[in-house]
Amino acid sequence: LREGDIARARHQQQVIEALIQKATSTTILTKYADILKSME
């Protein structure tokens, strides 16, 4: 990446935002148990 660490930090924010979008969608209803298990 041309911006190195700075670009990587932006990518990390992108992934967090994408996870929040999934977790606050209807996905949470069908994937709830799997989500909790993944964090265990």
PDB file of all heavy atoms in Angstrom:
ATOM      1  N   LEU A   1       0.834  -1.201   0.000  1.00  0.00           N
ATOM      2  CA  LEU A   1       0.000   0.000   0.000  1.00  0.00           C
ATOM      3  C   LEU A   1       0.870   1.253   0.000  1.00  0.00           C
ATOM      4  O   LEU A   1       1.834   1.345   0.781  1.00  0.00           O
ATOM      5  CB  LEU A   1      -0.914   0.014   1.233  1.00  0.00           C
ATOM      6  CG  LEU A   1      -1.795  -1.239   1.422  1.00  0.00           C
ATOM      7  CD1 LEU A   1      -2.574  -1.132   2.712  1.00  0.00           C
ATOM      8  CD2 LEU A   1      -2.740  -1.420   0.248  1.00  0.00           C
ATOM      9  N   ARG A   2       0.531   2.193  -0.843  1.00  0.00           N
ATOM     10  CA  ARG A   2       1.348   3.406  -0.985  1.00  0.00           C
ATOM     11  C   ARG A   2       1.454   4.167   0.336  1.00  0.00           C
ATOM     12  O   ARG A   2       2.520   4.700   0.670  1.00  0.00           O
ATOM     13  CB  ARG A   2       0.758   4.305  -2.071  1.00  0.00           C
ATOM     14  CG  ARG A   2       1.582   5.554  -2.364  1.00  0.00           C
ATOM     15  CD  ARG A   2       1.030   6.290  -3.569  1.00  0.00           C
ATOM     16  NE  ARG A   2      -0.363   6.645  -3.384  1.00  0.00           N
ATOM     17  CZ  ARG A   2      -0.762   7.740  -2.735  1.00  0.00           C
ATOM     18  NH1 ARG A   2       0.131   8.563  -2.198  1.00  0.00           N
ATOM     19  NH2 ARG A   2      -2.052   8.011  -2.611  1.00  0.00           N
ATOM     20  N   GLU A   3       0.354   4.216   1.102  1.00  0.00           N
ATOM     21  CA  GLU A   3       0.380   4.939   2.378  1.00  0.00           C
ATOM     22  C   GLU A   3       0.719   4.037   3.560  1.00  0.00           C
ATOM     23  O   GLU A   3       0.649   4.479   4.713  1.00  0.00           O
ATOM     24  CB  GLU A   3      -0.969   5.605   2.616  1.00  0.00           C
ATOM     25  CG  GLU A   3      -1.266   6.753   1.664  1.00  0.00           C
ATOM     26  CD  GLU A   3      -2.570   7.434   2.009  1.00  0.00           C
ATOM     27  OE1 GLU A   3      -3.632   6.823   1.789  1.00  0.00           O
ATOM     28  OE2 GLU A   3      -2.534   8.576   2.525  1.00  0.00           O
ATOM     29  N   GLY A   4       1.053   2.775   3.299  1.00  0.00           N
ATOM     30  CA  GLY A   4       1.515   1.883   4.346  1.00  0.00           C
ATOM     31  C   GLY A   4       0.571   1.743   5.521  1.00  0.00           C
ATOM     32  O   GLY A   4      -0.594   1.379   5.375  1.00  0.00           O
ATOM     33  N   ASP A   5       1.081   2.088   6.703  1.00  0.00           N
ATOM     34  CA  ASP A   5       0.314   1.929   7.948  1.00  0.00           C
ATOM     35  C   ASP A   5      -0.965   2.753   7.967  1.00  0.00           C
ATOM     36  O   ASP A   5      -1.975   2.342   8.549  1.00  0.00           O
ATOM     37  CB  ASP A   5       1.186   2.344   9.143  1.00  0.00           C
ATOM     38  CG  ASP A   5       1.627   1.132   9.952  1.00  0.00           C
ATOM     39  OD1 ASP A   5       1.152   0.029   9.659  1.00  0.00           O
ATOM     40  OD2 ASP A   5       2.441   1.305  10.863  1.00  0.00           O
ATOM     41  N   ILE A   6      -0.930   3.925   7.359  1.00  0.00           N
ATOM     42  CA  ILE A   6      -2.110   4.789   7.361  1.00  0.00           C
ATOM     43  C   ILE A   6      -3.235   4.137   6.563  1.00  0.00           C
ATOM     44  O   ILE A   6      -4.395   4.110   6.992  1.00  0.00           O
ATOM     45  CB  ILE A   6      -1.766   6.177   6.789  1.00  0.00           C
ATOM     46  CG1 ILE A   6      -0.773   6.885   7.727  1.00  0.00           C
ATOM     47  CG2 ILE A   6      -3.024   7.016   6.607  1.00  0.00           C
ATOM     48  CD1 ILE A   6      -0.270   8.204   7.211  1.00  0.00           C
ATOM     49  N   ALA A   7      -2.889   3.581   5.392  1.00  0.00           N
ATOM     50  CA  ALA A   7      -3.889   2.889   4.575  1.00  0.00           C
ATOM     51  C   ALA A   7      -4.415   1.664   5.312  1.00  0.00           C
ATOM     52  O   ALA A   7      -5.615   1.353   5.259  1.00  0.00           O
ATOM     53  CB  ALA A   7      -3.288   2.484   3.233  1.00  0.00           C
ATOM     54  N   ARG A   8      -3.529   0.952   6.010  1.00  0.00           N
ATOM     55  CA  ARG A   8      -3.962  -0.217   6.764  1.00  0.00           C
ATOM     56  C   ARG A   8      -4.957   0.172   7.859  1.00  0.00           C
ATOM     57  O   ARG A   8      -5.956  -0.521   8.076  1.00  0.00           O
ATOM     58  CB  ARG A   8      -2.764  -0.934   7.387  1.00  0.00           C
ATOM     59  CG  ARG A   8      -3.181  -2.068   8.294  1.00  0.00           C
ATOM     60  CD  ARG A   8      -2.083  -3.011   8.620  1.00  0.00           C
ATOM     61  NE  ARG A   8      -0.973  -2.408   9.324  1.00  0.00           N
ATOM     62  CZ  ARG A   8       0.079  -3.100   9.771  1.00  0.00           C
ATOM     63  NH1 ARG A   8       0.139  -4.401   9.544  1.00  0.00           N
ATOM     64  NH2 ARG A   8       1.057  -2.508  10.390  1.00  0.00           N
ATOM     65  N   ALA A   9      -4.707   1.270   8.539  1.00  0.00           N
ATOM     66  CA  ALA A   9      -5.633   1.730   9.581  1.00  0.00           C
ATOM     67  C   ALA A   9      -7.008   2.044   8.987  1.00  0.00           C
ATOM     68  O   ALA A   9      -8.037   1.759   9.600  1.00  0.00           O
ATOM     69  CB  ALA A   9      -5.059   2.950  10.293  1.00  0.00           C
ATOM     70  N   ARG A  10      -7.020   2.634   7.787  1.00  0.00           N
ATOM     71  CA  ARG A  10      -8.299   2.912   7.131  1.00  0.00           C
ATOM     72  C   ARG A  10      -9.018   1.616   6.791  1.00  0.00           C
ATOM     73  O   ARG A  10     -10.247   1.516   6.912  1.00  0.00           O
ATOM     74  CB  ARG A  10      -8.074   3.744   5.868  1.00  0.00           C
ATOM     75  CG  ARG A  10      -7.591   5.173   6.128  1.00  0.00           C
ATOM     76  CD  ARG A  10      -7.793   6.049   4.909  1.00  0.00           C
ATOM     77  NE  ARG A  10      -7.237   7.388   5.137  1.00  0.00           N
ATOM     78  CZ  ARG A  10      -6.079   7.821   4.658  1.00  0.00           C
ATOM     79  NH1 ARG A  10      -5.355   7.008   3.903  1.00  0.00           N
ATOM     80  NH2 ARG A  10      -5.650   9.034   4.914  1.00  0.00           N
ATOM     81  N   HIS A  11      -8.258   0.611   6.358  1.00  0.00           N
ATOM     82  CA  HIS A  11      -8.855  -0.691   6.056  1.00  0.00           C
ATOM     83  C   HIS A  11      -9.471  -1.310   7.307  1.00  0.00           C
ATOM     84  O   HIS A  11     -10.541  -1.930   7.255  1.00  0.00           O
ATOM     85  CB  HIS A  11      -7.803  -1.631   5.471  1.00  0.00           C
ATOM     86  CG  HIS A  11      -7.430  -1.303   4.065  1.00  0.00           C
ATOM     87  ND1 HIS A  11      -6.477  -1.991   3.358  1.00  0.00           N
ATOM     88  CD2 HIS A  11      -7.892  -0.342   3.216  1.00  0.00           C
ATOM     89  CE1 HIS A  11      -6.368  -1.481   2.150  1.00  0.00           C
ATOM     90  NE2 HIS A  11      -7.209  -0.482   2.044  1.00  0.00           N
ATOM     91  N   GLN A  12      -8.798  -1.140   8.440  1.00  0.00           N
ATOM     92  CA  GLN A  12      -9.328  -1.669   9.695  1.00  0.00           C
ATOM     93  C   GLN A  12     -10.654  -1.000  10.034  1.00  0.00           C
ATOM     94  O   GLN A  12     -11.607  -1.664  10.481  1.00  0.00           O
ATOM     95  CB  GLN A  12      -8.302  -1.452  10.813  1.00  0.00           C
ATOM     96  CG  GLN A  12      -7.057  -2.312  10.650  1.00  0.00           C
ATOM     97  CD  GLN A  12      -5.907  -1.852  11.534  1.00  0.00           C
ATOM     98  OE1 GLN A  12      -6.002  -0.863  12.252  1.00  0.00           O
ATOM     99  NE2 GLN A  12      -4.793  -2.570  11.463  1.00  0.00           N
ATOM    100  N   GLN A  13     -10.742   0.302   9.806  1.00  0.00           N
ATOM    101  CA  GLN A  13     -11.997   1.010  10.060  1.00  0.00           C
ATOM    102  C   GLN A  13     -13.087   0.533   9.109  1.00  0.00           C
ATOM    103  O   GLN A  13     -14.255   0.380   9.508  1.00  0.00           O
ATOM    104  CB  GLN A  13     -11.785   2.518   9.916  1.00  0.00           C
ATOM    105  CG  GLN A  13     -10.920   3.121  11.014  1.00  0.00           C
ATOM    106  CD  GLN A  13     -10.736   4.616  10.863  1.00  0.00           C
ATOM    107  OE1 GLN A  13     -11.086   5.194   9.829  1.00  0.00           O
ATOM    108  NE2 GLN A  13     -10.176   5.258  11.870  1.00  0.00           N
ATOM    109  N   GLN A  14     -12.717   0.281   7.846  1.00  0.00           N
ATOM    110  CA  GLN A  14     -13.684  -0.231   6.872  1.00  0.00           C
ATOM    111  C   GLN A  14     -14.292  -1.555   7.330  1.00  0.00           C
ATOM    112  O   GLN A  14     -15.510  -1.767   7.245  1.00  0.00           O
ATOM    113  CB  GLN A  14     -13.003  -0.442   5.519  1.00  0.00           C
ATOM    114  CG  GLN A  14     -12.900   0.787   4.649  1.00  0.00           C
ATOM    115  CD  GLN A  14     -12.364   0.412   3.277  1.00  0.00           C
ATOM    116  OE1 GLN A  14     -11.316  -0.220   3.142  1.00  0.00           O
ATOM    117  NE2 GLN A  14     -13.086   0.802   2.244  1.00  0.00           N
ATOM    118  N   VAL A  15     -13.433  -2.450   7.801  1.00  0.00           N
ATOM    119  CA  VAL A  15     -13.894  -3.768   8.219  1.00  0.00           C
ATOM    120  C   VAL A  15     -14.792  -3.659   9.447  1.00  0.00           C
ATOM    121  O   VAL A  15     -15.826  -4.344   9.545  1.00  0.00           O
ATOM    122  CB  VAL A  15     -12.695  -4.710   8.485  1.00  0.00           C
ATOM    123  CG1 VAL A  15     -13.137  -5.975   9.209  1.00  0.00           C
ATOM    124  CG2 VAL A  15     -12.019  -5.069   7.169  1.00  0.00           C
ATOM    125  N   ILE A  16     -14.438  -2.796  10.387  1.00  0.00           N
ATOM    126  CA  ILE A  16     -15.281  -2.601  11.571  1.00  0.00           C
ATOM    127  C   ILE A  16     -16.657  -2.068  11.167  1.00  0.00           C
ATOM    128  O   ILE A  16     -17.698  -2.539  11.647  1.00  0.00           O
ATOM    129  CB  ILE A  16     -14.592  -1.644  12.571  1.00  0.00           C
ATOM    130  CG1 ILE A  16     -13.415  -2.361  13.252  1.00  0.00           C
ATOM    131  CG2 ILE A  16     -15.590  -1.165  13.626  1.00  0.00           C
ATOM    132  CD1 ILE A  16     -12.627  -1.485  14.175  1.00  0.00           C
ATOM    133  N   GLU A  17     -16.676  -1.088  10.271  1.00  0.00           N
ATOM    134  CA  GLU A  17     -17.949  -0.531   9.817  1.00  0.00           C
ATOM    135  C   GLU A  17     -18.790  -1.595   9.105  1.00  0.00           C
ATOM    136  O   GLU A  17     -20.015  -1.664   9.283  1.00  0.00           O
ATOM    137  CB  GLU A  17     -17.692   0.655   8.898  1.00  0.00           C
ATOM    138  CG  GLU A  17     -17.146   1.885   9.627  1.00  0.00           C
ATOM    139  CD  GLU A  17     -16.791   3.016   8.682  1.00  0.00           C
ATOM    140  OE1 GLU A  17     -17.143   2.912   7.487  1.00  0.00           O
ATOM    141  OE2 GLU A  17     -16.174   4.001   9.119  1.00  0.00           O
ATOM    142  N   ALA A  18     -18.122  -2.450   8.294  1.00  0.00           N
ATOM    143  CA  ALA A  18     -18.834  -3.511   7.576  1.00  0.00           C
ATOM    144  C   ALA A  18     -19.422  -4.524   8.548  1.00  0.00           C
ATOM    145  O   ALA A  18     -20.545  -5.008   8.357  1.00  0.00           O
ATOM    146  CB  ALA A  18     -17.885  -4.205   6.595  1.00  0.00           C
ATOM    147  N   LEU A  19     -18.671  -4.837   9.606  1.00  0.00           N
ATOM    148  CA  LEU A  19     -19.174  -5.766  10.616  1.00  0.00           C
ATOM    149  C   LEU A  19     -20.364  -5.172  11.365  1.00  0.00           C
ATOM    150  O   LEU A  19     -21.337  -5.879  11.664  1.00  0.00           O
ATOM    151  CB  LEU A  19     -18.061  -6.130  11.595  1.00  0.00           C
ATOM    152  CG  LEU A  19     -17.040  -7.157  11.098  1.00  0.00           C
ATOM    153  CD1 LEU A  19     -15.843  -7.216  12.048  1.00  0.00           C
ATOM    154  CD2 LEU A  19     -17.687  -8.536  10.978  1.00  0.00           C
ATOM    155  N   ILE A  20     -20.295  -3.883  11.663  1.00  0.00           N
ATOM    156  CA  ILE A  20     -21.408  -3.217  12.356  1.00  0.00           C
ATOM    157  C   ILE A  20     -22.653  -3.254  11.482  1.00  0.00           C
ATOM    158  O   ILE A  20     -23.767  -3.510  11.964  1.00  0.00           O
ATOM    159  CB  ILE A  20     -21.032  -1.769  12.722  1.00  0.00           C
ATOM    160  CG1 ILE A  20     -19.950  -1.770  13.823  1.00  0.00           C
ATOM    161  CG2 ILE A  20     -22.257  -0.989  13.191  1.00  0.00           C
ATOM    162  CD1 ILE A  20     -19.398  -0.401  14.138  1.00  0.00           C
ATOM    163  N   GLN A  21     -22.483  -3.013  10.182  1.00  0.00           N
ATOM    164  CA  GLN A  21     -23.621  -3.054   9.268  1.00  0.00           C
ATOM    165  C   GLN A  21     -24.273  -4.436   9.262  1.00  0.00           C
ATOM    166  O   GLN A  21     -25.502  -4.554   9.299  1.00  0.00           O
ATOM    167  CB  GLN A  21     -23.170  -2.684   7.854  1.00  0.00           C
ATOM    168  CG  GLN A  21     -22.830  -1.217   7.676  1.00  0.00           C
ATOM    169  CD  GLN A  21     -22.283  -0.911   6.293  1.00  0.00           C
ATOM    170  OE1 GLN A  21     -22.148  -1.800   5.457  1.00  0.00           O
ATOM    171  NE2 GLN A  21     -21.951   0.351   6.052  1.00  0.00           N
ATOM    172  N   LYS A  22     -23.434  -5.494   9.231  1.00  0.00           N
ATOM    173  CA  LYS A  22     -23.975  -6.843   9.232  1.00  0.00           C
ATOM    174  C   LYS A  22     -24.654  -7.158  10.561  1.00  0.00           C
ATOM    175  O   LYS A  22     -25.734  -7.757  10.609  1.00  0.00           O
ATOM    176  CB  LYS A  22     -22.856  -7.856   8.967  1.00  0.00           C
ATOM    177  CG  LYS A  22     -22.610  -8.172   7.497  1.00  0.00           C
ATOM    178  CD  LYS A  22     -23.806  -8.876   6.889  1.00  0.00           C
ATOM    179  CE  LYS A  22     -23.560  -9.340   5.472  1.00  0.00           C
ATOM    180  NZ  LYS A  22     -22.741 -10.532   5.380  1.00  0.00           N
ATOM    181  N   ALA A  23     -24.004  -6.754  11.647  1.00  0.00           N
ATOM    182  CA  ALA A  23     -24.517  -7.090  12.983  1.00  0.00           C
ATOM    183  C   ALA A  23     -25.810  -6.354  13.312  1.00  0.00           C
ATOM    184  O   ALA A  23     -26.581  -6.796  14.154  1.00  0.00           O
ATOM    185  CB  ALA A  23     -23.466  -6.784  14.043  1.00  0.00           C
ATOM    186  N   THR A  24     -26.055  -5.205  12.641  1.00  0.00           N
ATOM    187  CA  THR A  24     -27.277  -4.449  12.908  1.00  0.00           C
ATOM    188  C   THR A  24     -28.342  -4.700  11.843  1.00  0.00           C
ATOM    189  O   THR A  24     -29.388  -4.041  11.841  1.00  0.00           O
ATOM    190  CB  THR A  24     -26.973  -2.937  12.967  1.00  0.00           C
ATOM    191  OG1 THR A  24     -26.286  -2.543  11.763  1.00  0.00           O
ATOM    192  CG2 THR A  24     -26.102  -2.612  14.165  1.00  0.00           C
ATOM    193  N   SER A  25     -28.090  -5.654  10.954  1.00  0.00           N
ATOM    194  CA  SER A  25     -29.069  -6.018   9.934  1.00  0.00           C
ATOM    195  C   SER A  25     -29.843  -7.257  10.384  1.00  0.00           C
ATOM    196  O   SER A  25     -29.645  -7.775  11.482  1.00  0.00           O
ATOM    197  CB  SER A  25     -28.369  -6.286   8.599  1.00  0.00           C
ATOM    198  OG  SER A  25     -27.604  -7.473   8.677  1.00  0.00           O
ATOM    199  N   THR A  26     -30.693  -7.772   9.512  1.00  0.00           N
ATOM    200  CA  THR A  26     -31.460  -8.979   9.841  1.00  0.00           C
ATOM    201  C   THR A  26     -30.560 -10.198   9.998  1.00  0.00           C
ATOM    202  O   THR A  26     -31.004 -11.226  10.507  1.00  0.00           O
ATOM    203  CB  THR A  26     -32.500  -9.262   8.741  1.00  0.00           C
ATOM    204  OG1 THR A  26     -31.831  -9.307   7.466  1.00  0.00           O
ATOM    205  CG2 THR A  26     -33.564  -8.175   8.702  1.00  0.00           C
ATOM    206  N   THR A  27     -29.294 -10.078   9.588  1.00  0.00           N
ATOM    207  CA  THR A  27     -28.328 -11.174   9.753  1.00  0.00           C
ATOM    208  C   THR A  27     -28.234 -11.606  11.211  1.00  0.00           C
ATOM    209  O   THR A  27     -28.043 -12.783  11.516  1.00  0.00           O
ATOM    210  CB  THR A  27     -26.929 -10.733   9.266  1.00  0.00           C
ATOM    211  OG1 THR A  27     -27.018 -10.411   7.881  1.00  0.00           O
ATOM    212  CG2 THR A  27     -25.898 -11.839   9.462  1.00  0.00           C
ATOM    213  N   ILE A  28     -28.390 -10.633  12.123  1.00  0.00           N
ATOM    214  CA  ILE A  28     -28.245 -10.919  13.552  1.00  0.00           C
ATOM    215  C   ILE A  28     -29.258 -11.961  14.018  1.00  0.00           C
ATOM    216  O   ILE A  28     -29.003 -12.727  14.948  1.00  0.00           O
ATOM    217  CB  ILE A  28     -28.392  -9.613  14.379  1.00  0.00           C
ATOM    218  CG1 ILE A  28     -27.907  -9.811  15.822  1.00  0.00           C
ATOM    219  CG2 ILE A  28     -29.820  -9.114  14.357  1.00  0.00           C
ATOM    220  CD1 ILE A  28     -26.430  -9.945  15.942  1.00  0.00           C
ATOM    221  N   LEU A  29     -30.427 -12.033  13.347  1.00  0.00           N
ATOM    222  CA  LEU A  29     -31.468 -12.960  13.768  1.00  0.00           C
ATOM    223  C   LEU A  29     -31.097 -14.408  13.480  1.00  0.00           C
ATOM    224  O   LEU A  29     -31.363 -15.301  14.278  1.00  0.00           O
ATOM    225  CB  LEU A  29     -32.794 -12.613  13.070  1.00  0.00           C
ATOM    226  CG  LEU A  29     -33.352 -11.213  13.372  1.00  0.00           C
ATOM    227  CD1 LEU A  29     -34.609 -10.965  12.543  1.00  0.00           C
ATOM    228  CD2 LEU A  29     -33.644 -11.057  14.849  1.00  0.00           C
ATOM    229  N   THR A  30     -30.493 -14.650  12.328  1.00  0.00           N
ATOM    230  CA  THR A  30     -30.165 -16.017  11.927  1.00  0.00           C
ATOM    231  C   THR A  30     -28.755 -16.428  12.331  1.00  0.00           C
ATOM    232  O   THR A  30     -28.456 -17.615  12.411  1.00  0.00           O
ATOM    233  CB  THR A  30     -30.318 -16.176  10.403  1.00  0.00           C
ATOM    234  OG1 THR A  30     -29.484 -15.218   9.741  1.00  0.00           O
ATOM    235  CG2 THR A  30     -31.769 -15.950   9.990  1.00  0.00           C
ATOM    236  N   LYS A  31     -27.896 -15.451  12.576  1.00  0.00           N
ATOM    237  CA  LYS A  31     -26.490 -15.759  12.862  1.00  0.00           C
ATOM    238  C   LYS A  31     -26.108 -15.454  14.307  1.00  0.00           C
ATOM    239  O   LYS A  31     -24.939 -15.509  14.666  1.00  0.00           O
ATOM    240  CB  LYS A  31     -25.581 -14.934  11.930  1.00  0.00           C
ATOM    241  CG  LYS A  31     -25.826 -15.158  10.446  1.00  0.00           C
ATOM    242  CD  LYS A  31     -25.310 -16.503   9.993  1.00  0.00           C
ATOM    243  CE  LYS A  31     -25.401 -16.648   8.484  1.00  0.00           C
ATOM    244  NZ  LYS A  31     -24.889 -17.951   8.030  1.00  0.00           N
ATOM    245  N   TYR A  32     -27.086 -15.146  15.135  1.00  0.00           N
ATOM    246  CA  TYR A  32     -26.823 -14.659  16.497  1.00  0.00           C
ATOM    247  C   TYR A  32     -25.937 -15.617  17.288  1.00  0.00           C
ATOM    248  O   TYR A  32     -24.909 -15.217  17.847  1.00  0.00           O
ATOM    249  CB  TYR A  32     -28.146 -14.450  17.220  1.00  0.00           C
ATOM    250  CG  TYR A  32     -28.004 -13.827  18.585  1.00  0.00           C
ATOM    251  CD1 TYR A  32     -27.728 -12.477  18.725  1.00  0.00           C
ATOM    252  CD2 TYR A  32     -28.153 -14.592  19.733  1.00  0.00           C
ATOM    253  CE1 TYR A  32     -27.596 -11.904  19.981  1.00  0.00           C
ATOM    254  CE2 TYR A  32     -28.029 -14.028  20.997  1.00  0.00           C
ATOM    255  CZ  TYR A  32     -27.751 -12.680  21.108  1.00  0.00           C
ATOM    256  OH  TYR A  32     -27.605 -12.118  22.347  1.00  0.00           O
ATOM    257  N   ALA A  33     -26.323 -16.896  17.333  1.00  0.00           N
ATOM    258  CA  ALA A  33     -25.557 -17.869  18.118  1.00  0.00           C
ATOM    259  C   ALA A  33     -24.150 -18.030  17.557  1.00  0.00           C
ATOM    260  O   ALA A  33     -23.173 -18.144  18.315  1.00  0.00           O
ATOM    261  CB  ALA A  33     -26.287 -19.217  18.123  1.00  0.00           C
ATOM    262  N   ASP A  34     -24.018 -18.030  16.230  1.00  0.00           N
ATOM    263  CA  ASP A  34     -22.700 -18.162  15.604  1.00  0.00           C
ATOM    264  C   ASP A  34     -21.809 -16.969  15.920  1.00  0.00           C
ATOM    265  O   ASP A  34     -20.600 -17.109  16.122  1.00  0.00           O
ATOM    266  CB  ASP A  34     -22.842 -18.299  14.078  1.00  0.00           C
ATOM    267  CG  ASP A  34     -23.469 -19.624  13.670  1.00  0.00           C
ATOM    268  OD1 ASP A  34     -23.366 -20.588  14.450  1.00  0.00           O
ATOM    269  OD2 ASP A  34     -24.063 -19.683  12.583  1.00  0.00           O
ATOM    270  N   ILE A  35     -22.418 -15.778  15.953  1.00  0.00           N
ATOM    271  CA  ILE A  35     -21.652 -14.569  16.259  1.00  0.00           C
ATOM    272  C   ILE A  35     -21.090 -14.633  17.679  1.00  0.00           C
ATOM    273  O   ILE A  35     -19.913 -14.342  17.912  1.00  0.00           O
ATOM    274  CB  ILE A  35     -22.528 -13.314  16.078  1.00  0.00           C
ATOM    275  CG1 ILE A  35     -22.837 -13.113  14.583  1.00  0.00           C
ATOM    276  CG2 ILE A  35     -21.843 -12.082  16.646  1.00  0.00           C
ATOM    277  CD1 ILE A  35     -23.863 -12.042  14.313  1.00  0.00           C
ATOM    278  N   LEU A  36     -21.929 -15.024  18.638  1.00  0.00           N
ATOM    279  CA  LEU A  36     -21.459 -15.128  20.027  1.00  0.00           C
ATOM    280  C   LEU A  36     -20.368 -16.187  20.149  1.00  0.00           C
ATOM    281  O   LEU A  36     -19.359 -15.982  20.831  1.00  0.00           O
ATOM    282  CB  LEU A  36     -22.631 -15.469  20.952  1.00  0.00           C
ATOM    283  CG  LEU A  36     -23.726 -14.411  21.111  1.00  0.00           C
ATOM    284  CD1 LEU A  36     -24.700 -14.838  22.199  1.00  0.00           C
ATOM    285  CD2 LEU A  36     -23.144 -13.044  21.429  1.00  0.00           C
ATOM    286  N   LYS A  37     -20.567 -17.319  19.482  1.00  0.00           N
ATOM    287  CA  LYS A  37     -19.589 -18.409  19.552  1.00  0.00           C
ATOM    288  C   LYS A  37     -18.250 -17.979  18.961  1.00  0.00           C
ATOM    289  O   LYS A  37     -17.192 -18.360  19.464  1.00  0.00           O
ATOM    290  CB  LYS A  37     -20.127 -19.632  18.816  1.00  0.00           C
ATOM    291  CG  LYS A  37     -19.226 -20.857  18.948  1.00  0.00           C
ATOM    292  CD  LYS A  37     -19.829 -22.066  18.247  1.00  0.00           C
ATOM    293  CE  LYS A  37     -18.908 -23.279  18.377  1.00  0.00           C
ATOM    294  NZ  LYS A  37     -19.472 -24.452  17.663  1.00  0.00           N
ATOM    295  N   SER A  38     -18.283 -17.173  17.897  1.00  0.00           N
ATOM    296  CA  SER A  38     -17.047 -16.747  17.242  1.00  0.00           C
ATOM    297  C   SER A  38     -16.185 -15.887  18.159  1.00  0.00           C
ATOM    298  O   SER A  38     -14.965 -15.835  18.009  1.00  0.00           O
ATOM    299  CB  SER A  38     -17.373 -15.969  15.964  1.00  0.00           C
ATOM    300  OG  SER A  38     -17.918 -14.691  16.259  1.00  0.00           O
ATOM    301  N   MET A  39     -16.813 -15.196  19.108  1.00  0.00           N
ATOM    302  CA  MET A  39     -16.075 -14.307  20.002  1.00  0.00           C
ATOM    303  C   MET A  39     -15.609 -14.998  21.277  1.00  0.00           C
ATOM    304  O   MET A  39     -14.806 -14.454  22.029  1.00  0.00           O
ATOM    305  CB  MET A  39     -16.954 -13.112  20.372  1.00  0.00           C
ATOM    306  CG  MET A  39     -17.464 -12.310  19.183  1.00  0.00           C
ATOM    307  SD  MET A  39     -16.135 -11.556  18.243  1.00  0.00           S
ATOM    308  CE  MET A  39     -15.726 -10.202  19.327  1.00  0.00           C
ATOM    309  N   GLU A  40     -16.116 -16.214  21.502  1.00  0.00           N
ATOM    310  CA  GLU A  40     -15.801 -16.926  22.736  1.00  0.00           C
ATOM    311  C   GLU A  40     -14.311 -17.260  22.814  1.00  0.00           C
ATOM    312  O   GLU A  40     -13.751 -17.920  21.945  1.00  0.00           O
ATOM    313  CB  GLU A  40     -16.619 -18.214  22.797  1.00  0.00           C
ATOM    314  CG  GLU A  40     -16.611 -18.895  24.152  1.00  0.00           C
ATOM    315  CD  GLU A  40     -17.579 -20.068  24.190  1.00  0.00           C
ATOM    316  OE1 GLU A  40     -18.712 -19.918  23.702  1.00  0.00           O
ATOM    317  OE2 GLU A  40     -17.176 -21.122  24.692  1.00  0.00           O
TER     318      GLU A  40
END
